[in-house]
Amino acid sequence: MLFARHRLHAALSVFLISVFFVIIVFNQLISSGRSFADTPAVGLTASAMTWVSPLILLSIAPAKAISRSLIFLALGLLLLIALNELSKLGLDVAAPKHQG
């Protein structure tokens, strides 16, 4: 990241990759009921992948394109979460309105 031409895009890409990695991996570990004390290899592998994945990705693809794609993915995720919370309110658009 220090040698990248677009440091802001590289930093944003690393941040978003890390956030998505934490959401995917650690959410699965928590939902399965396992802890890092039970399986230390999983924690070691997860921490190694947290450092290695962005390095590999940024060495192959341009940081600007990656950051744009990840921003689009993050906005889609936020929109999905917002629509999910909105659906919990139980609003019915097709319901007849009271006249009077």
Protein backbone atom coordinates (compact mmCIF):
# COMPACT_ATOMS: atom_id res chain seq x y z
CA MET A 1 0.00 0.00 0.00
CA LEU A 2 2.91 2.33 0.64
CA PHE A 3 4.15 1.95 -2.93
CA ALA A 4 0.74 2.33 -4.59
CA ARG A 5 0.18 5.22 -6.93
CA HIS A 6 -3.33 5.84 -5.58
CA ARG A 7 -2.82 5.44 -1.84
CA LEU A 8 -6.33 6.51 -0.90
CA HIS A 9 -7.91 3.92 -3.20
CA ALA A 10 -5.50 1.26 -1.95
CA ALA A 11 -6.27 2.06 1.69
CA LEU A 12 -10.00 2.06 1.01
CA SER A 13 -9.71 -1.28 -0.79
CA VAL A 14 -7.80 -2.85 2.08
CA PHE A 15 -10.34 -1.53 4.58
CA LEU A 16 -13.35 -2.80 2.62
CA ILE A 17 -11.73 -6.18 1.93
CA SER A 18 -11.03 -6.55 5.64
CA VAL A 19 -14.59 -5.60 6.59
CA PHE A 20 -16.13 -8.06 4.15
CA PHE A 21 -13.67 -10.77 5.24
CA VAL A 22 -14.58 -10.26 8.89
CA ILE A 23 -18.30 -10.33 8.08
CA ILE A 24 -18.02 -13.56 6.10
CA VAL A 25 -15.52 -15.55 8.16
CA PHE A 26 -16.17 -14.51 11.73
CA ASN A 27 -19.94 -14.53 11.33
CA GLN A 28 -19.72 -18.18 10.26
CA LEU A 29 -17.51 -19.03 13.22
CA ILE A 30 -19.83 -17.34 15.67
CA SER A 31 -22.96 -18.92 14.23
CA SER A 32 -21.40 -22.41 14.32
CA GLY A 33 -20.66 -22.00 18.04
CA ARG A 34 -16.91 -22.46 17.72
CA SER A 35 -14.30 -20.28 19.32
CA PHE A 36 -10.69 -19.61 18.48
CA ALA A 37 -9.64 -21.48 21.61
CA ASP A 38 -11.19 -24.67 20.19
CA THR A 39 -9.50 -24.38 16.81
CA PRO A 40 -6.34 -22.23 16.91
CA ALA A 41 -5.52 -23.11 13.29
CA VAL A 42 -8.64 -21.29 12.13
CA GLY A 43 -7.62 -18.11 13.91
CA LEU A 44 -4.09 -18.31 12.53
CA THR A 45 -5.36 -18.91 9.01
CA ALA A 46 -7.90 -16.09 9.27
CA SER A 47 -5.29 -13.62 10.49
CA ALA A 48 -2.86 -14.68 7.76
CA MET A 49 -5.52 -14.33 5.08
CA THR A 50 -6.43 -10.88 6.41
CA TRP A 51 -2.90 -9.75 5.57
CA VAL A 52 -2.26 -11.78 2.43
CA SER A 53 -5.51 -11.31 0.48
CA PRO A 54 -5.27 -7.53 0.00
CA LEU A 55 -1.60 -7.80 -0.98
CA ILE A 56 -2.34 -10.36 -3.66
CA LEU A 57 -5.36 -8.46 -4.96
CA LEU A 58 -3.63 -5.09 -5.09
CA SER A 59 -0.57 -6.53 -6.78
CA ILE A 60 -2.68 -7.93 -9.63
CA ALA A 61 -5.46 -5.40 -10.20
CA PRO A 62 -5.46 -1.59 -10.12
CA ALA A 63 -6.49 -0.12 -6.78
CA LYS A 64 -8.86 2.40 -8.34
CA ALA A 65 -10.98 -0.27 -10.03
CA ILE A 66 -11.01 -2.47 -6.94
CA SER A 67 -12.08 0.38 -4.66
CA ARG A 68 -14.90 1.35 -7.02
CA SER A 69 -16.17 -2.22 -7.15
CA LEU A 70 -15.97 -2.62 -3.39
CA ILE A 71 -17.73 0.70 -2.80
CA PHE A 72 -20.52 -0.46 -5.11
CA LEU A 73 -20.69 -3.75 -3.18
CA ALA A 74 -20.78 -1.92 0.17
CA LEU A 75 -23.57 0.39 -1.02
CA GLY A 76 -25.53 -2.63 -2.21
CA LEU A 77 -25.06 -4.31 1.16
CA LEU A 78 -26.25 -1.21 3.00
CA LEU A 79 -29.27 -0.95 0.70
CA LEU A 80 -30.08 -4.61 1.30
CA ILE A 81 -29.87 -4.13 5.07
CA ALA A 82 -32.06 -1.01 4.88
CA LEU A 83 -34.68 -2.77 2.76
CA ASN A 84 -34.66 -5.72 5.14
CA GLU A 85 -35.27 -3.44 8.11
CA LEU A 86 -38.00 -1.62 6.17
CA SER A 87 -39.73 -4.91 5.40
CA LYS A 88 -39.88 -5.66 9.13
CA LEU A 89 -42.21 -2.68 9.58
CA GLY A 90 -44.95 -4.51 7.67
CA LEU A 91 -45.99 -1.66 5.41
CA ASP A 92 -48.42 -2.75 2.72
CA VAL A 93 -48.42 -0.57 -0.37
CA ALA A 94 -51.37 -2.36 -2.00
CA ALA A 95 -53.67 -1.94 1.02
CA PRO A 96 -56.76 0.18 0.39
CA LYS A 97 -56.70 3.62 1.95
CA HIS A 98 -59.55 4.99 4.00
CA GLN A 99 -61.56 7.62 2.21
CA GLY A 100 -63.20 10.17 4.35
